[in-house]
Amino acid sequence: MTILTSRSSRLGLRTTPQQDIVLRRAAKLANKSLTDFILDSAYQVAEQTLLDQRLFLLDGEQAEAFIELLDRPAKDNPGLQDLLGRPAPWSN
């Protein structure tokens, strides 16, 4: 899954010999160039890491306080409007 058709940024990586062997073998098995394999793999993990920020766990008391906050009447919040108006971090 290559996201961009033209690449304009450069990343540099240093690997151990073992990492290099494993990455090259996996790229070959996936019928991808080493660059495409690494970028696709890293992008998927990065996107999942960002998406995981949506899950949070609360104990009973915290859940009640959270629900109370959600039930309050909405107020104008310029900071929230600004945040929600920005593109998702993984779409840049």
N, C-alpha and C. Protein backbone atom coordinates (compact mmCIF):
# COMPACT_ATOMS: atom_id res chain seq x y z
N MET A 1 0.84 -1.17 0.00
CA MET A 1 0.00 0.00 0.00
C MET A 1 0.89 1.24 0.00
N THR A 2 1.26 1.74 -1.12
CA THR A 2 2.04 2.95 -1.22
C THR A 2 1.08 4.13 -1.23
N ILE A 3 1.29 5.07 -0.33
CA ILE A 3 0.36 6.16 -0.14
C ILE A 3 0.61 7.31 -1.11
N LEU A 4 1.84 7.71 -1.26
CA LEU A 4 2.15 8.86 -2.11
C LEU A 4 2.77 8.38 -3.42
N THR A 5 2.46 9.08 -4.48
CA THR A 5 3.04 8.69 -5.77
C THR A 5 4.37 9.38 -6.01
N SER A 6 4.59 10.55 -5.45
CA SER A 6 5.91 11.18 -5.59
C SER A 6 6.45 11.43 -4.20
N ARG A 7 7.70 11.10 -4.01
CA ARG A 7 8.32 11.23 -2.69
C ARG A 7 9.25 12.43 -2.69
N SER A 8 9.15 13.21 -1.63
CA SER A 8 9.96 14.40 -1.57
C SER A 8 10.79 14.49 -0.29
N SER A 9 10.61 13.56 0.63
CA SER A 9 11.38 13.57 1.88
C SER A 9 12.26 12.34 1.94
N ARG A 10 13.36 12.47 2.66
CA ARG A 10 14.30 11.37 2.77
C ARG A 10 14.46 11.01 4.24
N LEU A 11 14.45 9.71 4.52
CA LEU A 11 14.75 9.19 5.85
C LEU A 11 15.98 8.31 5.74
N GLY A 12 16.80 8.32 6.74
CA GLY A 12 17.97 7.45 6.76
C GLY A 12 17.84 6.43 7.87
N LEU A 13 18.24 5.20 7.59
CA LEU A 13 18.15 4.13 8.59
C LEU A 13 19.49 3.42 8.71
N ARG A 14 19.80 3.02 9.91
CA ARG A 14 20.96 2.16 10.14
C ARG A 14 20.41 0.87 10.72
N THR A 15 20.89 -0.25 10.22
CA THR A 15 20.41 -1.54 10.70
C THR A 15 21.58 -2.42 11.10
N THR A 16 21.24 -3.42 11.87
CA THR A 16 22.23 -4.46 12.13
C THR A 16 22.23 -5.37 10.90
N PRO A 17 23.28 -6.15 10.73
CA PRO A 17 23.27 -7.08 9.59
C PRO A 17 22.07 -8.03 9.63
N GLN A 18 21.69 -8.49 10.80
CA GLN A 18 20.54 -9.39 10.92
C GLN A 18 19.24 -8.69 10.51
N GLN A 19 19.06 -7.46 10.95
CA GLN A 19 17.86 -6.71 10.55
C GLN A 19 17.81 -6.53 9.04
N ASP A 20 18.95 -6.23 8.45
CA ASP A 20 19.03 -6.04 7.00
C ASP A 20 18.62 -7.31 6.27
N ILE A 21 19.12 -8.45 6.73
CA ILE A 21 18.78 -9.73 6.10
C ILE A 21 17.28 -10.00 6.19
N VAL A 22 16.73 -9.83 7.37
CA VAL A 22 15.30 -10.11 7.57
C VAL A 22 14.45 -9.16 6.73
N LEU A 23 14.77 -7.89 6.73
CA LEU A 23 13.99 -6.92 5.95
C LEU A 23 14.05 -7.22 4.46
N ARG A 24 15.23 -7.53 3.96
CA ARG A 24 15.37 -7.84 2.54
C ARG A 24 14.61 -9.12 2.15
N ARG A 25 14.68 -10.13 3.01
CA ARG A 25 13.94 -11.37 2.73
C ARG A 25 12.44 -11.11 2.71
N ALA A 26 11.97 -10.37 3.69
CA ALA A 26 10.53 -10.09 3.77
C ALA A 26 10.07 -9.25 2.58
N ALA A 27 10.86 -8.28 2.19
CA ALA A 27 10.51 -7.45 1.03
C ALA A 27 10.44 -8.30 -0.23
N LYS A 28 11.38 -9.20 -0.38
CA LYS A 28 11.39 -10.07 -1.56
C LYS A 28 10.15 -10.96 -1.58
N LEU A 29 9.79 -11.53 -0.42
CA LEU A 29 8.60 -12.38 -0.34
C LEU A 29 7.32 -11.59 -0.62
N ALA A 30 7.31 -10.32 -0.26
CA ALA A 30 6.14 -9.46 -0.50
C ALA A 30 6.15 -8.87 -1.91
N ASN A 31 7.17 -9.21 -2.70
CA ASN A 31 7.32 -8.66 -4.06
C ASN A 31 7.33 -7.13 -4.05
N LYS A 32 8.08 -6.58 -3.11
CA LYS A 32 8.20 -5.13 -2.99
C LYS A 32 9.68 -4.77 -2.93
N SER A 33 9.96 -3.54 -3.31
CA SER A 33 11.32 -3.05 -3.10
C SER A 33 11.53 -2.92 -1.60
N LEU A 34 12.78 -2.90 -1.18
CA LEU A 34 13.08 -2.75 0.24
C LEU A 34 12.49 -1.44 0.76
N THR A 35 12.62 -0.37 -0.01
CA THR A 35 12.07 0.93 0.40
C THR A 35 10.57 0.86 0.57
N ASP A 36 9.86 0.30 -0.42
CA ASP A 36 8.41 0.21 -0.31
C ASP A 36 7.99 -0.66 0.86
N PHE A 37 8.69 -1.76 1.07
CA PHE A 37 8.35 -2.66 2.18
C PHE A 37 8.51 -1.93 3.51
N ILE A 38 9.63 -1.27 3.71
CA ILE A 38 9.88 -0.58 4.98
C ILE A 38 8.89 0.56 5.16
N LEU A 39 8.67 1.37 4.12
CA LEU A 39 7.73 2.48 4.25
C LEU A 39 6.32 2.02 4.53
N ASP A 40 5.85 1.01 3.80
CA ASP A 40 4.50 0.50 4.02
C ASP A 40 4.35 -0.04 5.43
N SER A 41 5.32 -0.81 5.89
CA SER A 41 5.26 -1.40 7.22
C SER A 41 5.29 -0.32 8.30
N ALA A 42 6.20 0.62 8.17
CA ALA A 42 6.30 1.69 9.16
C ALA A 42 5.05 2.56 9.17
N TYR A 43 4.51 2.84 7.99
CA TYR A 43 3.31 3.67 7.89
C TYR A 43 2.13 2.99 8.58
N GLN A 44 1.97 1.70 8.38
CA GLN A 44 0.87 0.98 9.01
C GLN A 44 0.98 1.03 10.54
N VAL A 45 2.18 0.82 11.06
CA VAL A 45 2.39 0.87 12.51
C VAL A 45 2.18 2.29 13.03
N ALA A 46 2.65 3.28 12.31
CA ALA A 46 2.47 4.67 12.74
C ALA A 46 1.00 5.06 12.76
N GLU A 47 0.28 4.67 11.73
CA GLU A 47 -1.15 4.99 11.67
C GLU A 47 -1.88 4.30 12.81
N GLN A 48 -1.57 3.04 13.08
CA GLN A 48 -2.23 2.33 14.18
C GLN A 48 -1.89 2.96 15.53
N THR A 49 -0.65 3.39 15.70
CA THR A 49 -0.25 4.07 16.94
C THR A 49 -1.07 5.33 17.15
N LEU A 50 -1.27 6.10 16.10
CA LEU A 50 -2.08 7.31 16.20
C LEU A 50 -3.54 6.98 16.46
N LEU A 51 -4.06 5.97 15.81
CA LEU A 51 -5.46 5.59 16.00
C LEU A 51 -5.70 5.02 17.40
N ASP A 52 -4.70 4.38 17.97
CA ASP A 52 -4.84 3.81 19.32
C ASP A 52 -5.06 4.88 20.38
N GLN A 53 -4.79 6.11 20.06
CA GLN A 53 -4.97 7.19 21.02
C GLN A 53 -6.45 7.46 21.30
N ARG A 54 -7.34 6.82 20.57
CA ARG A 54 -8.76 7.04 20.76
C ARG A 54 -9.34 6.18 21.88
N LEU A 55 -8.64 5.16 22.35
CA LEU A 55 -9.12 4.25 23.38
C LEU A 55 -8.54 4.64 24.73
N PHE A 56 -9.40 4.78 25.72
CA PHE A 56 -8.92 5.03 27.06
C PHE A 56 -9.84 4.30 28.03
N LEU A 57 -9.29 3.88 29.15
CA LEU A 57 -10.03 3.10 30.14
C LEU A 57 -10.25 3.94 31.39
N LEU A 58 -11.45 3.81 31.96
CA LEU A 58 -11.81 4.56 33.15
C LEU A 58 -12.36 3.60 34.20
N ASP A 59 -12.08 3.91 35.47
CA ASP A 59 -12.72 3.14 36.53
C ASP A 59 -14.13 3.71 36.73
N GLY A 60 -14.91 3.16 37.63
CA GLY A 60 -16.30 3.56 37.82
C GLY A 60 -16.47 5.04 38.13
N GLU A 61 -15.66 5.54 39.04
CA GLU A 61 -15.76 6.96 39.43
C GLU A 61 -15.38 7.87 38.27
N GLN A 62 -14.33 7.52 37.58
CA GLN A 62 -13.90 8.31 36.42
C GLN A 62 -14.95 8.28 35.32
N ALA A 63 -15.57 7.12 35.11
CA ALA A 63 -16.59 7.00 34.08
C ALA A 63 -17.80 7.89 34.41
N GLU A 64 -18.19 7.91 35.67
CA GLU A 64 -19.32 8.76 36.07
C GLU A 64 -18.99 10.23 35.84
N ALA A 65 -17.79 10.65 36.20
CA ALA A 65 -17.38 12.04 36.00
C ALA A 65 -17.34 12.37 34.51
N PHE A 66 -16.87 11.43 33.71
CA PHE A 66 -16.81 11.64 32.26
C PHE A 66 -18.21 11.78 31.67
N ILE A 67 -19.10 10.91 32.07
CA ILE A 67 -20.49 10.98 31.58
C ILE A 67 -21.14 12.29 32.00
N GLU A 68 -20.85 12.73 33.21
CA GLU A 68 -21.39 14.02 33.67
C GLU A 68 -20.90 15.16 32.78
N LEU A 69 -19.63 15.12 32.43
CA LEU A 69 -19.09 16.15 31.54
C LEU A 69 -19.75 16.09 30.15
N LEU A 70 -19.98 14.89 29.66
CA LEU A 70 -20.61 14.74 28.35
C LEU A 70 -22.06 15.21 28.35
N ASP A 71 -22.73 15.09 29.48
CA ASP A 71 -24.13 15.48 29.58
C ASP A 71 -24.33 16.99 29.76
N ARG A 72 -23.27 17.71 30.05
CA ARG A 72 -23.39 19.16 30.22
C ARG A 72 -23.74 19.83 28.89
N PRO A 73 -24.43 20.95 28.94
CA PRO A 73 -24.72 21.68 27.69
C PRO A 73 -23.41 22.10 26.99
N ALA A 74 -23.44 22.09 25.70
CA ALA A 74 -22.26 22.45 24.91
C ALA A 74 -21.94 23.93 25.08
N LYS A 75 -20.66 24.23 25.10
CA LYS A 75 -20.18 25.61 25.16
C LYS A 75 -19.28 25.84 23.95
N ASP A 76 -19.19 27.10 23.54
CA ASP A 76 -18.29 27.43 22.44
C ASP A 76 -16.85 27.18 22.90
N ASN A 77 -16.09 26.44 22.11
CA ASN A 77 -14.71 26.09 22.47
C ASN A 77 -13.83 26.30 21.24
N PRO A 78 -13.26 27.51 21.10
CA PRO A 78 -12.43 27.79 19.91
C PRO A 78 -11.25 26.83 19.76
N GLY A 79 -10.65 26.41 20.86
CA GLY A 79 -9.52 25.49 20.78
C GLY A 79 -9.93 24.15 20.19
N LEU A 80 -11.08 23.65 20.62
CA LEU A 80 -11.58 22.39 20.09
C LEU A 80 -11.97 22.53 18.63
N GLN A 81 -12.58 23.64 18.28
CA GLN A 81 -12.93 23.88 16.88
C GLN A 81 -11.68 23.89 16.01
N ASP A 82 -10.61 24.51 16.51
CA ASP A 82 -9.35 24.54 15.77
C ASP A 82 -8.79 23.12 15.61
N LEU A 83 -8.78 22.35 16.70
CA LEU A 83 -8.26 20.99 16.66
C LEU A 83 -9.04 20.12 15.69
N LEU A 84 -10.35 20.17 15.74
CA LEU A 84 -11.17 19.34 14.87
C LEU A 84 -11.13 19.81 13.42
N GLY A 85 -10.69 21.02 13.19
CA GLY A 85 -10.57 21.54 11.83
C GLY A 85 -9.27 21.16 11.15
N ARG A 86 -8.35 20.58 11.90
CA ARG A 86 -7.05 20.18 11.34
C ARG A 86 -7.17 18.81 10.68
N PRO A 87 -6.32 18.56 9.67
CA PRO A 87 -6.32 17.22 9.05
C PRO A 87 -5.75 16.19 10.03
N ALA A 88 -6.13 14.95 9.88
CA ALA A 88 -5.62 13.87 10.71
C ALA A 88 -4.10 13.78 10.53
N PRO A 89 -3.36 13.48 11.60
CA PRO A 89 -1.88 13.41 11.50
C PRO A 89 -1.39 12.45 10.43
N TRP A 90 -2.10 11.38 10.17
CA TRP A 90 -1.65 10.39 9.20
C TRP A 90 -2.02 10.77 7.77
N SER A 91 -2.77 11.84 7.59
CA SER A 91 -3.14 12.23 6.23
C SER A 91 -2.22 13.32 5.68
N ASN A 92 -1.25 13.75 6.44
CA ASN A 92 -0.29 14.77 5.98
C ASN A 92 0.83 14.14 5.22
